[in-house]
Structure formats: C-alpha cells, structure tokens
C-alpha cells in the first residue's frame, strides 16, 4: 500500500505532509491537463482526413485526456476512489497507445477497429439468449439487440470470419467465440504489459493491484487505513498518472507530427521535460508556484 514515505521520496523536504504532497501533485496534474487541453486537444480538433491508424491513436488519447479532466475536477479527498480509477484507466489506455504505436505494419490498427463489432455481437447474443431462457423476463433492450443480431451484416458466420481473420483459431484448432475475445488484442492486461518490457511489467506489479482495490468490491482498499494514507493514495495517483500521461502526449505527438505546431518554439520533448515531476525536485510551495508558471503561453520559453 502507498505510504507517506512514497510521497516523501519526491519531496525536497522530509517534513512534507501527505496533504501538502497531494496538493503539489494535483497542481502538477492540472498544469499537464492545461497543456493538453489548450495545445494538444486544440490541434487535434483541427485534424482532417485522419487515416485509420491516426483515428485509433487520437480516440485513445482523447479518452485518456477526459480521465485526466476528471482528476482535475475531483480535487477533494472524498473523490480518492474516482481519482485512482481514472489513473488506472489512463494506465490501460497508455498500454493501448504503445501497442498501436509500436506496430508500424498497422495490423493492430485493423484489430483495434474490428473489435467493437465483436464486442457488440457478444453483448447482443448474451441478452437475446437470456431472454429466450427466461421468457418471463424480457429486458427493454431485447428488441434492439435481436434486431442487431438479425442484421445480415452481423450474421454469426460473418462474425466468426472476422474473429478467425484477426484472432485466429483456438489452441485446439477450433473457431473462437465472441466471448473468447475479452480485449481487442486478445491478451489479458498482464500479458500486454509484459510484452512492452520489464519497466512496464514492474510498474504493473507496483500499482495495478492497489488501483484495482478502489474499483472492485471488498474491503482491501480501505480497511485499517487513516486519513494520511488516503491522502497519500490521492497524491501518489497524481504522481503516477503524470508519468503515464506525458508519455501519451509524446506518442500522440510523434504519430501526428505535433512538433510542427506553430506556437511551440521548443520541441515537444523539451516541453514535456519541463512538465515532468522528478524525485527530489517538486513538492514545496515554491515548487508549486513554479508549476503555476507553466501555462501554455509560457511553456515554450
């Protein structure tokens, strides 16, 4: 579990309280969000005729940005569960971005865009089967989902062909079912992370379990903890998400050549470095004031 010591390692002062640490990390997240909103999102809104690869990158980045927006809005300790949840989602979205970014063949892009049809078919099929098994319980969604399954574009044969084309056959050589494809990559999250290298697998082992404690039911995420611990969880979530989101900006920037933005005098990499929180550098009030100076209009100086 995250403790006060985890926050102090980022601080110039060993007397930093969890509350002050959380405030400082929140301030860093806010500046990164402002840069993303005022610069990156503004540019993305003007992008026309995106290809399928670029659409996958932009859509995923938008989702991460919206999660960051939630973290900025929810700046009270009572929202710590939502903050941790948003941080976990950004981790998962960054992994998606890295998978898409690393495959220059665009094979993963095609799988990414094929998956929604499989997921929708699975949901419709399960609802219709439930209704047939329980005729006295007819959900309102039954008619629409039955109509979806009856559409020739969503025939079982066609869906099976899409699955075989993109996800192959089972280990026994049988055709996979829609419910066998739980993620667009066909891999569980641990496998997706480990495929990215030891750095990301280590990060997964460090943060993913405790992030999940605040999303799933059960008492693991709160039993026996005091206010300082929850403040540490709040602050550390911001510290982690900044590292993740800055990498998302760099991936999006490289894919869409955002270094060519007219109002950026410095390289995107240099700007990201100015926004990055380094251990032993940021947490005191004077550092917060420095962060506040990093508005988009000043960031390239």
C-alpha atoms as a PDB file:
ATOM      1  CA  UNK A   1       0.000   0.000   0.000  1.00  0.00           C
ATOM      2  CA  UNK A   2       1.107   3.582  -0.646  1.00  0.00           C
ATOM      3  CA  UNK A   3       2.502   5.264   2.455  1.00  0.00           C
ATOM      4  CA  UNK A   4       3.719   8.721   3.401  1.00  0.00           C
ATOM      5  CA  UNK A   5       7.269   7.624   2.603  1.00  0.00           C
ATOM      6  CA  UNK A   6       6.286   7.118  -1.022  1.00  0.00           C
ATOM      7  CA  UNK A   7       5.355  10.775  -1.254  1.00  0.00           C
ATOM      8  CA  UNK A   8       8.389  11.998   0.662  1.00  0.00           C
ATOM      9  CA  UNK A   9      10.790  10.479  -1.841  1.00  0.00           C
ATOM     10  CA  UNK A  10       9.541  13.056  -4.330  1.00  0.00           C
ATOM     11  CA  UNK A  11       9.997  15.942  -1.938  1.00  0.00           C
ATOM     12  CA  UNK A  12      12.734  18.470  -1.164  1.00  0.00           C
ATOM     13  CA  UNK A  13      11.660  18.236   2.475  1.00  0.00           C
ATOM     14  CA  UNK A  14      11.180  15.174   4.639  1.00  0.00           C
ATOM     15  CA  UNK A  15       8.633  17.213   6.612  1.00  0.00           C
ATOM     16  CA  UNK A  16       6.182  17.290   3.727  1.00  0.00           C
ATOM     17  CA  UNK A  17       2.727  16.250   4.912  1.00  0.00           C
ATOM     18  CA  UNK A  18       0.514  13.952   2.837  1.00  0.00           C
ATOM     19  CA  UNK A  19      -1.917  16.844   2.414  1.00  0.00           C
ATOM     20  CA  UNK A  20       0.753  19.227   1.073  1.00  0.00           C
ATOM     21  CA  UNK A  21       2.155  16.475  -1.097  1.00  0.00           C
ATOM     22  CA  UNK A  22      -1.243  15.694  -2.588  1.00  0.00           C
ATOM     23  CA  UNK A  23      -1.798  19.398  -3.286  1.00  0.00           C
ATOM     24  CA  UNK A  24       1.541  19.708  -5.069  1.00  0.00           C
ATOM     25  CA  UNK A  25       0.996  16.624  -7.184  1.00  0.00           C
ATOM     26  CA  UNK A  26      -2.510  17.805  -8.036  1.00  0.00           C
ATOM     27  CA  UNK A  27      -1.014  21.112  -9.179  1.00  0.00           C
ATOM     28  CA  UNK A  28       1.340  19.237 -11.495  1.00  0.00           C
ATOM     29  CA  UNK A  29      -1.553  17.262 -12.976  1.00  0.00           C
ATOM     30  CA  UNK A  30      -3.502  20.467 -13.516  1.00  0.00           C
ATOM     31  CA  UNK A  31      -0.663  22.061 -15.496  1.00  0.00           C
ATOM     32  CA  UNK A  32      -0.287  18.958 -17.663  1.00  0.00           C
ATOM     33  CA  UNK A  33      -4.040  18.951 -18.252  1.00  0.00           C
ATOM     34  CA  UNK A  34      -3.972  22.644 -19.199  1.00  0.00           C
ATOM     35  CA  UNK A  35      -1.214  21.993 -21.715  1.00  0.00           C
ATOM     36  CA  UNK A  36      -3.086  19.016 -23.166  1.00  0.00           C
ATOM     37  CA  UNK A  37      -6.374  20.935 -23.360  1.00  0.00           C
ATOM     38  CA  UNK A  38      -5.045  24.235 -24.706  1.00  0.00           C
ATOM     39  CA  UNK A  39      -2.380  22.900 -27.055  1.00  0.00           C
ATOM     40  CA  UNK A  40      -2.729  19.203 -27.937  1.00  0.00           C
ATOM     41  CA  UNK A  41      -6.533  18.941 -27.972  1.00  0.00           C
ATOM     42  CA  UNK A  42      -6.826  22.266 -29.793  1.00  0.00           C
ATOM     43  CA  UNK A  43      -4.578  20.925 -32.551  1.00  0.00           C
ATOM     44  CA  UNK A  44      -6.316  17.541 -32.703  1.00  0.00           C
ATOM     45  CA  UNK A  45      -9.682  19.225 -33.208  1.00  0.00           C
ATOM     46  CA  UNK A  46      -8.337  20.733 -36.415  1.00  0.00           C
ATOM     47  CA  UNK A  47      -7.047  17.457 -37.844  1.00  0.00           C
ATOM     48  CA  UNK A  48      -8.870  16.429 -41.023  1.00  0.00           C
ATOM     49  CA  UNK A  49      -8.859  13.228 -43.060  1.00  0.00           C
ATOM     50  CA  UNK A  50      -7.212  11.096 -40.403  1.00  0.00           C
ATOM     51  CA  UNK A  51      -6.313   7.579 -41.509  1.00  0.00           C
ATOM     52  CA  UNK A  52      -7.427   4.543 -39.505  1.00  0.00           C
ATOM     53  CA  UNK A  53      -4.195   4.402 -37.517  1.00  0.00           C
ATOM     54  CA  UNK A  54      -4.411   8.079 -36.604  1.00  0.00           C
ATOM     55  CA  UNK A  55      -8.071   7.696 -35.610  1.00  0.00           C
ATOM     56  CA  UNK A  56      -7.160   4.896 -33.204  1.00  0.00           C
ATOM     57  CA  UNK A  57      -4.379   6.999 -31.661  1.00  0.00           C
ATOM     58  CA  UNK A  58      -6.466  10.174 -31.393  1.00  0.00           C
ATOM     59  CA  UNK A  59      -9.554   8.427 -29.981  1.00  0.00           C
ATOM     60  CA  UNK A  60      -7.466   6.658 -27.331  1.00  0.00           C
ATOM     61  CA  UNK A  61      -5.646   9.856 -26.428  1.00  0.00           C
ATOM     62  CA  UNK A  62      -8.972  11.709 -26.096  1.00  0.00           C
ATOM     63  CA  UNK A  63     -10.188   9.103 -23.615  1.00  0.00           C
ATOM     64  CA  UNK A  64      -7.030   9.480 -21.536  1.00  0.00           C
ATOM     65  CA  UNK A  65      -7.418  13.267 -21.631  1.00  0.00           C
ATOM     66  CA  UNK A  66     -11.000  13.017 -20.376  1.00  0.00           C
ATOM     67  CA  UNK A  67      -9.827  10.841 -17.488  1.00  0.00           C
ATOM     68  CA  UNK A  68      -7.240  13.492 -16.662  1.00  0.00           C
ATOM     69  CA  UNK A  69     -10.010  16.115 -16.795  1.00  0.00           C
ATOM     70  CA  UNK A  70     -11.916  14.121 -14.167  1.00  0.00           C
ATOM     71  CA  UNK A  71      -8.858  14.014 -11.918  1.00  0.00           C
ATOM     72  CA  UNK A  72      -8.513  17.790 -12.178  1.00  0.00           C
ATOM     73  CA  UNK A  73     -12.199  18.367 -11.406  1.00  0.00           C
ATOM     74  CA  UNK A  74     -12.269  15.999  -8.425  1.00  0.00           C
ATOM     75  CA  UNK A  75      -9.815  17.846  -6.181  1.00  0.00           C
ATOM     76  CA  UNK A  76     -11.174  16.723  -2.819  1.00  0.00           C
ATOM     77  CA  UNK A  77     -10.156  13.739  -0.723  1.00  0.00           C
ATOM     78  CA  UNK A  78     -13.696  12.316  -0.816  1.00  0.00           C
ATOM     79  CA  UNK A  79     -13.132  11.571  -4.516  1.00  0.00           C
ATOM     80  CA  UNK A  80      -9.995   9.488  -3.996  1.00  0.00           C
ATOM     81  CA  UNK A  81     -11.668   6.356  -5.431  1.00  0.00           C
ATOM     82  CA  UNK A  82     -12.580   8.150  -8.657  1.00  0.00           C
ATOM     83  CA  UNK A  83      -9.065   9.602  -8.874  1.00  0.00           C
ATOM     84  CA  UNK A  84      -7.472   6.161  -8.506  1.00  0.00           C
ATOM     85  CA  UNK A  85      -9.946   4.718 -11.029  1.00  0.00           C
ATOM     86  CA  UNK A  86      -9.058   7.412 -13.580  1.00  0.00           C
ATOM     87  CA  UNK A  87      -5.357   6.784 -13.018  1.00  0.00           C
ATOM     88  CA  UNK A  88      -5.827   3.060 -13.647  1.00  0.00           C
ATOM     89  CA  UNK A  89      -7.779   3.732 -16.835  1.00  0.00           C
ATOM     90  CA  UNK A  90      -5.041   6.056 -18.093  1.00  0.00           C
ATOM     91  CA  UNK A  91      -2.515   3.266 -17.460  1.00  0.00           C
ATOM     92  CA  UNK A  92      -4.608   0.871 -19.565  1.00  0.00           C
ATOM     93  CA  UNK A  93      -5.078   3.451 -22.327  1.00  0.00           C
ATOM     94  CA  UNK A  94      -1.357   4.204 -22.424  1.00  0.00           C
ATOM     95  CA  UNK A  95      -0.687   0.496 -22.931  1.00  0.00           C
ATOM     96  CA  UNK A  96      -3.142   0.565 -25.856  1.00  0.00           C
ATOM     97  CA  UNK A  97      -1.331   3.589 -27.303  1.00  0.00           C
ATOM     98  CA  UNK A  98       2.048   1.909 -27.000  1.00  0.00           C
ATOM     99  CA  UNK A  99       0.801  -1.257 -28.694  1.00  0.00           C
ATOM    100  CA  UNK A 100      -0.661   0.745 -31.579  1.00  0.00           C
ATOM    101  CA  UNK A 101       2.440   2.935 -31.799  1.00  0.00           C
ATOM    102  CA  UNK A 102       4.925   0.065 -31.814  1.00  0.00           C
ATOM    103  CA  UNK A 103       3.309  -1.816 -34.727  1.00  0.00           C
ATOM    104  CA  UNK A 104       4.232   0.018 -37.925  1.00  0.00           C
ATOM    105  CA  UNK A 105       2.512  -2.650 -40.038  1.00  0.00           C
ATOM    106  CA  UNK A 106      -0.921  -1.388 -38.921  1.00  0.00           C
ATOM    107  CA  UNK A 107      -2.049  -4.945 -38.158  1.00  0.00           C
ATOM    108  CA  UNK A 108      -3.018  -3.894 -34.633  1.00  0.00           C
ATOM    109  CA  UNK A 109      -4.902  -0.909 -36.042  1.00  0.00           C
ATOM    110  CA  UNK A 110      -7.135  -3.245 -38.059  1.00  0.00           C
ATOM    111  CA  UNK A 111      -7.739  -5.413 -34.982  1.00  0.00           C
ATOM    112  CA  UNK A 112      -8.489  -2.316 -32.892  1.00  0.00           C
ATOM    113  CA  UNK A 113     -11.226  -1.226 -35.295  1.00  0.00           C
ATOM    114  CA  UNK A 114     -12.602  -4.759 -35.781  1.00  0.00           C
ATOM    115  CA  UNK A 115     -13.116  -5.432 -32.087  1.00  0.00           C
ATOM    116  CA  UNK A 116     -16.201  -3.204 -31.476  1.00  0.00           C
ATOM    117  CA  UNK A 117     -18.302  -5.361 -33.806  1.00  0.00           C
ATOM    118  CA  UNK A 118     -17.273  -8.484 -31.889  1.00  0.00           C
ATOM    119  CA  UNK A 119     -17.978  -6.869 -28.507  1.00  0.00           C
ATOM    120  CA  UNK A 120     -21.399  -5.612 -29.608  1.00  0.00           C
ATOM    121  CA  UNK A 121     -22.313  -9.007 -31.061  1.00  0.00           C
ATOM    122  CA  UNK A 122     -21.338 -10.747 -27.815  1.00  0.00           C
ATOM    123  CA  UNK A 123     -23.459  -8.360 -25.748  1.00  0.00           C
ATOM    124  CA  UNK A 124     -26.468  -8.729 -28.046  1.00  0.00           C
ATOM    125  CA  UNK A 125     -26.142 -12.508 -28.197  1.00  0.00           C
ATOM    126  CA  UNK A 126     -25.998 -12.840 -24.419  1.00  0.00           C
ATOM    127  CA  UNK A 127     -29.049 -10.613 -23.921  1.00  0.00           C
ATOM    128  CA  UNK A 128     -31.111 -12.488 -26.510  1.00  0.00           C
ATOM    129  CA  UNK A 129     -30.110 -15.878 -25.088  1.00  0.00           C
ATOM    130  CA  UNK A 130     -31.026 -14.722 -21.589  1.00  0.00           C
ATOM    131  CA  UNK A 131     -34.458 -13.620 -22.811  1.00  0.00           C
ATOM    132  CA  UNK A 132     -35.074 -16.952 -24.552  1.00  0.00           C
ATOM    133  CA  UNK A 133     -34.059 -18.832 -21.389  1.00  0.00           C
ATOM    134  CA  UNK A 134     -36.225 -16.588 -19.202  1.00  0.00           C
ATOM    135  CA  UNK A 135     -39.395 -15.735 -21.201  1.00  0.00           C
ATOM    136  CA  UNK A 136     -40.937 -14.042 -18.177  1.00  0.00           C
ATOM    137  CA  UNK A 137     -38.084 -11.551 -18.021  1.00  0.00           C
ATOM    138  CA  UNK A 138     -37.971  -9.561 -21.241  1.00  0.00           C
ATOM    139  CA  UNK A 139     -35.497  -6.650 -20.904  1.00  0.00           C
ATOM    140  CA  UNK A 140     -36.331  -3.469 -22.779  1.00  0.00           C
ATOM    141  CA  UNK A 141     -33.119  -3.871 -24.761  1.00  0.00           C
ATOM    142  CA  UNK A 142     -34.206  -7.242 -26.183  1.00  0.00           C
ATOM    143  CA  UNK A 143     -35.903  -5.892 -29.331  1.00  0.00           C
ATOM    144  CA  UNK A 144     -32.983  -3.713 -30.361  1.00  0.00           C
ATOM    145  CA  UNK A 145     -30.404  -6.399 -29.701  1.00  0.00           C
ATOM    146  CA  UNK A 146     -32.436  -9.048 -31.502  1.00  0.00           C
ATOM    147  CA  UNK A 147     -32.673  -6.644 -34.454  1.00  0.00           C
ATOM    148  CA  UNK A 148     -28.896  -6.207 -34.317  1.00  0.00           C
ATOM    149  CA  UNK A 149     -28.337  -9.981 -34.498  1.00  0.00           C
ATOM    150  CA  UNK A 150     -30.814 -10.334 -37.375  1.00  0.00           C
ATOM    151  CA  UNK A 151     -28.923  -7.799 -39.482  1.00  0.00           C
ATOM    152  CA  UNK A 152     -27.033  -9.701 -42.252  1.00  0.00           C
ATOM    153  CA  UNK A 153     -24.007  -7.512 -41.524  1.00  0.00           C
ATOM    154  CA  UNK A 154     -23.829  -9.177 -38.110  1.00  0.00           C
ATOM    155  CA  UNK A 155     -24.505 -12.790 -39.069  1.00  0.00           C
ATOM    156  CA  UNK A 156     -22.868 -15.453 -36.952  1.00  0.00           C
ATOM    157  CA  UNK A 157     -20.902 -16.654 -39.953  1.00  0.00           C
ATOM    158  CA  UNK A 158     -19.565 -13.178 -40.687  1.00  0.00           C
ATOM    159  CA  UNK A 159     -18.618 -12.564 -37.055  1.00  0.00           C
ATOM    160  CA  UNK A 160     -16.852 -15.935 -36.980  1.00  0.00           C
ATOM    161  CA  UNK A 161     -14.918 -14.982 -40.093  1.00  0.00           C
ATOM    162  CA  UNK A 162     -13.801 -11.688 -38.549  1.00  0.00           C
ATOM    163  CA  UNK A 163     -12.659 -13.480 -35.403  1.00  0.00           C
ATOM    164  CA  UNK A 164     -10.667 -16.080 -37.341  1.00  0.00           C
ATOM    165  CA  UNK A 165      -9.096 -13.423 -39.552  1.00  0.00           C
ATOM    166  CA  UNK A 166      -7.859 -11.242 -36.694  1.00  0.00           C
ATOM    167  CA  UNK A 167      -7.562 -13.539 -33.679  1.00  0.00           C
ATOM    168  CA  UNK A 168      -7.005 -16.934 -35.265  1.00  0.00           C
ATOM    169  CA  UNK A 169      -8.223 -20.301 -34.027  1.00  0.00           C
ATOM    170  CA  UNK A 170      -8.132 -21.734 -30.520  1.00  0.00           C
ATOM    171  CA  UNK A 171      -5.241 -23.899 -29.342  1.00  0.00           C
ATOM    172  CA  UNK A 172      -7.300 -26.942 -30.372  1.00  0.00           C
ATOM    173  CA  UNK A 173      -7.865 -25.561 -33.843  1.00  0.00           C
ATOM    174  CA  UNK A 174     -11.487 -24.604 -33.224  1.00  0.00           C
ATOM    175  CA  UNK A 175     -13.084 -21.308 -34.132  1.00  0.00           C
ATOM    176  CA  UNK A 176     -13.053 -18.864 -31.242  1.00  0.00           C
ATOM    177  CA  UNK A 177     -16.321 -17.497 -29.918  1.00  0.00           C
ATOM    178  CA  UNK A 178     -17.022 -13.780 -29.345  1.00  0.00           C
ATOM    179  CA  UNK A 179     -16.849 -14.348 -25.568  1.00  0.00           C
ATOM    180  CA  UNK A 180     -13.316 -15.700 -26.014  1.00  0.00           C
ATOM    181  CA  UNK A 181     -12.104 -12.261 -27.160  1.00  0.00           C
ATOM    182  CA  UNK A 182     -12.125 -10.185 -23.982  1.00  0.00           C
ATOM    183  CA  UNK A 183      -9.850  -7.406 -25.221  1.00  0.00           C
ATOM    184  CA  UNK A 184      -9.105  -6.158 -28.715  1.00  0.00           C
ATOM    185  CA  UNK A 185      -5.558  -7.521 -28.526  1.00  0.00           C
ATOM    186  CA  UNK A 186      -6.793 -10.951 -27.448  1.00  0.00           C
ATOM    187  CA  UNK A 187      -4.440 -10.728 -24.439  1.00  0.00           C
ATOM    188  CA  UNK A 188      -5.018 -10.132 -20.739  1.00  0.00           C
ATOM    189  CA  UNK A 189      -3.573  -6.962 -19.244  1.00  0.00           C
ATOM    190  CA  UNK A 190      -0.593  -8.624 -17.532  1.00  0.00           C
ATOM    191  CA  UNK A 191       0.480 -10.110 -20.864  1.00  0.00           C
ATOM    192  CA  UNK A 192       0.004  -6.822 -22.703  1.00  0.00           C
ATOM    193  CA  UNK A 193       2.150  -5.037 -20.142  1.00  0.00           C
ATOM    194  CA  UNK A 194       4.892  -7.675 -20.034  1.00  0.00           C
ATOM    195  CA  UNK A 195       5.153  -7.578 -23.828  1.00  0.00           C
ATOM    196  CA  UNK A 196       6.100  -3.898 -23.532  1.00  0.00           C
ATOM    197  CA  UNK A 197       9.147  -4.722 -21.423  1.00  0.00           C
ATOM    198  CA  UNK A 198      10.311  -5.130 -17.850  1.00  0.00           C
ATOM    199  CA  UNK A 199       9.755  -1.430 -16.995  1.00  0.00           C
ATOM    200  CA  UNK A 200       6.028  -1.673 -17.612  1.00  0.00           C
ATOM    201  CA  UNK A 201       5.635  -5.071 -16.022  1.00  0.00           C
ATOM    202  CA  UNK A 202       7.328  -3.719 -12.898  1.00  0.00           C
ATOM    203  CA  UNK A 203       5.002  -0.702 -12.897  1.00  0.00           C
ATOM    204  CA  UNK A 204       2.051  -3.068 -13.249  1.00  0.00           C
ATOM    205  CA  UNK A 205       3.205  -5.050 -10.212  1.00  0.00           C
ATOM    206  CA  UNK A 206       3.744  -1.872  -8.223  1.00  0.00           C
ATOM    207  CA  UNK A 207       0.422  -0.129  -8.843  1.00  0.00           C
ATOM    208  CA  UNK A 208      -2.234  -2.231 -10.549  1.00  0.00           C
ATOM    209  CA  UNK A 209      -3.416  -4.302  -7.601  1.00  0.00           C
ATOM    210  CA  UNK A 210      -3.925  -1.364  -5.261  1.00  0.00           C
ATOM    211  CA  UNK A 211      -5.555   0.632  -8.045  1.00  0.00           C
ATOM    212  CA  UNK A 212      -7.995  -2.236  -8.537  1.00  0.00           C
ATOM    213  CA  UNK A 213      -8.841  -2.307  -4.819  1.00  0.00           C
ATOM    214  CA  UNK A 214     -10.655   1.015  -5.200  1.00  0.00           C
ATOM    215  CA  UNK A 215     -12.668  -0.131  -8.203  1.00  0.00           C
ATOM    216  CA  UNK A 216     -13.765  -3.622  -7.180  1.00  0.00           C
ATOM    217  CA  UNK A 217     -15.870  -4.587  -4.197  1.00  0.00           C
ATOM    218  CA  UNK A 218     -14.351  -5.728  -0.923  1.00  0.00           C
ATOM    219  CA  UNK A 219     -12.587  -4.057   1.991  1.00  0.00           C
ATOM    220  CA  UNK A 220      -8.958  -4.365   0.879  1.00  0.00           C
ATOM    221  CA  UNK A 221      -8.750  -0.766  -0.290  1.00  0.00           C
ATOM    222  CA  UNK A 222      -9.752   0.860   2.956  1.00  0.00           C
ATOM    223  CA  UNK A 223      -9.721  -1.433   5.981  1.00  0.00           C
ATOM    224  CA  UNK A 224      -7.482  -0.107   8.757  1.00  0.00           C
ATOM    225  CA  UNK A 225      -6.340   2.998   6.869  1.00  0.00           C
ATOM    226  CA  UNK A 226      -6.247   6.507   8.315  1.00  0.00           C
ATOM    227  CA  UNK A 227      -6.720   9.884   6.641  1.00  0.00           C
ATOM    228  CA  UNK A 228      -2.994  10.276   5.932  1.00  0.00           C
ATOM    229  CA  UNK A 229      -2.987   7.029   3.987  1.00  0.00           C
ATOM    230  CA  UNK A 230      -5.881   8.140   1.805  1.00  0.00           C
ATOM    231  CA  UNK A 231      -4.152  11.474   1.183  1.00  0.00           C
ATOM    232  CA  UNK A 232      -1.050   9.554   0.165  1.00  0.00           C
ATOM    233  CA  UNK A 233      -3.131   7.410  -2.204  1.00  0.00           C
ATOM    234  CA  UNK A 234      -4.630  10.581  -3.702  1.00  0.00           C
ATOM    235  CA  UNK A 235      -1.239  12.247  -4.178  1.00  0.00           C
ATOM    236  CA  UNK A 236       0.567   9.170  -5.428  1.00  0.00           C
ATOM    237  CA  UNK A 237      -2.161   8.563  -8.019  1.00  0.00           C
ATOM    238  CA  UNK A 238      -1.442  12.018  -9.420  1.00  0.00           C
ATOM    239  CA  UNK A 239       2.301  11.347  -9.398  1.00  0.00           C
ATOM    240  CA  UNK A 240       1.863   8.094 -11.312  1.00  0.00           C
ATOM    241  CA  UNK A 241      -0.628   9.472 -13.822  1.00  0.00           C
ATOM    242  CA  UNK A 242       1.644  12.369 -14.744  1.00  0.00           C
ATOM    243  CA  UNK A 243       4.357   9.954 -15.805  1.00  0.00           C
ATOM    244  CA  UNK A 244       1.842   7.954 -17.832  1.00  0.00           C
ATOM    245  CA  UNK A 245       0.059  10.864 -19.466  1.00  0.00           C
ATOM    246  CA  UNK A 246       3.222  12.668 -20.510  1.00  0.00           C
ATOM    247  CA  UNK A 247       4.225   9.531 -22.392  1.00  0.00           C
ATOM    248  CA  UNK A 248       0.798   9.507 -24.034  1.00  0.00           C
ATOM    249  CA  UNK A 249       1.405  13.079 -25.227  1.00  0.00           C
ATOM    250  CA  UNK A 250       4.752  12.079 -26.741  1.00  0.00           C
ATOM    251  CA  UNK A 251       3.215   9.103 -28.575  1.00  0.00           C
ATOM    252  CA  UNK A 252       0.367  11.223 -29.910  1.00  0.00           C
ATOM    253  CA  UNK A 253       2.863  13.940 -30.848  1.00  0.00           C
ATOM    254  CA  UNK A 254       5.082  11.565 -32.809  1.00  0.00           C
ATOM    255  CA  UNK A 255       2.186   9.876 -34.586  1.00  0.00           C
ATOM    256  CA  UNK A 256       0.591  13.156 -35.677  1.00  0.00           C
ATOM    257  CA  UNK A 257       3.814  15.184 -36.028  1.00  0.00           C
ATOM    258  CA  UNK A 258       2.758  17.671 -33.361  1.00  0.00           C
ATOM    259  CA  UNK A 259       6.276  19.097 -33.099  1.00  0.00           C
ATOM    260  CA  UNK A 260       5.228  21.186 -36.081  1.00  0.00           C
ATOM    261  CA  UNK A 261       2.663  23.148 -34.029  1.00  0.00           C
ATOM    262  CA  UNK A 262       3.199  26.794 -34.973  1.00  0.00           C
ATOM    263  CA  UNK A 263       3.046  28.278 -31.474  1.00  0.00           C
ATOM    264  CA  UNK A 264       5.564  25.851 -29.971  1.00  0.00           C
ATOM    265  CA  UNK A 265       9.066  27.283 -30.155  1.00  0.00           C
ATOM    266  CA  UNK A 266      10.602  24.375 -28.262  1.00  0.00           C
ATOM    267  CA  UNK A 267      10.377  20.708 -29.152  1.00  0.00           C
ATOM    268  CA  UNK A 268       7.522  18.718 -27.655  1.00  0.00           C
ATOM    269  CA  UNK A 269      10.072  16.587 -25.819  1.00  0.00           C
ATOM    270  CA  UNK A 270      11.593  19.672 -24.194  1.00  0.00           C
ATOM    271  CA  UNK A 271       8.179  20.915 -23.106  1.00  0.00           C
ATOM    272  CA  UNK A 272       7.324  17.525 -21.622  1.00  0.00           C
ATOM    273  CA  UNK A 273      10.556  17.609 -19.652  1.00  0.00           C
ATOM    274  CA  UNK A 274       9.530  20.956 -18.150  1.00  0.00           C
ATOM    275  CA  UNK A 275       6.198  19.472 -17.109  1.00  0.00           C
ATOM    276  CA  UNK A 276       7.694  16.328 -15.599  1.00  0.00           C
ATOM    277  CA  UNK A 277       7.908  15.870 -11.835  1.00  0.00           C
ATOM    278  CA  UNK A 278      11.270  14.486 -10.788  1.00  0.00           C
ATOM    279  CA  UNK A 279      12.015  12.741  -7.482  1.00  0.00           C
ATOM    280  CA  UNK A 280      13.633  15.195  -5.088  1.00  0.00           C
ATOM    281  CA  UNK A 281      12.528  18.246  -7.066  1.00  0.00           C
ATOM    282  CA  UNK A 282       8.846  19.077  -6.676  1.00  0.00           C
ATOM    283  CA  UNK A 283       6.628  19.332  -3.619  1.00  0.00           C
ATOM    284  CA  UNK A 284       7.316  22.524  -1.679  1.00  0.00           C
ATOM    285  CA  UNK A 285       5.194  25.647  -2.030  1.00  0.00           C
ATOM    286  CA  UNK A 286       7.851  27.391  -4.101  1.00  0.00           C
ATOM    287  CA  UNK A 287       7.787  24.453  -6.482  1.00  0.00           C
ATOM    288  CA  UNK A 288       4.011  24.729  -6.742  1.00  0.00           C
ATOM    289  CA  UNK A 289       4.430  28.365  -7.720  1.00  0.00           C
ATOM    290  CA  UNK A 290       6.898  27.307 -10.411  1.00  0.00           C
ATOM    291  CA  UNK A 291       4.402  24.799 -11.731  1.00  0.00           C
ATOM    292  CA  UNK A 292       1.748  27.500 -11.923  1.00  0.00           C
ATOM    293  CA  UNK A 293       4.006  29.433 -14.279  1.00  0.00           C
ATOM    294  CA  UNK A 294       3.912  26.576 -16.763  1.00  0.00           C
ATOM    295  CA  UNK A 295       0.837  27.822 -18.578  1.00  0.00           C
ATOM    296  CA  UNK A 296       0.703  27.017 -22.312  1.00  0.00           C
ATOM    297  CA  UNK A 297       1.574  30.595 -23.209  1.00  0.00           C
ATOM    298  CA  UNK A 298       4.805  30.342 -21.225  1.00  0.00           C
ATOM    299  CA  UNK A 299       5.694  26.705 -21.744  1.00  0.00           C
ATOM    300  CA  UNK A 300       7.869  27.183 -24.833  1.00  0.00           C
ATOM    301  CA  UNK A 301      10.113  29.848 -23.323  1.00  0.00           C
END
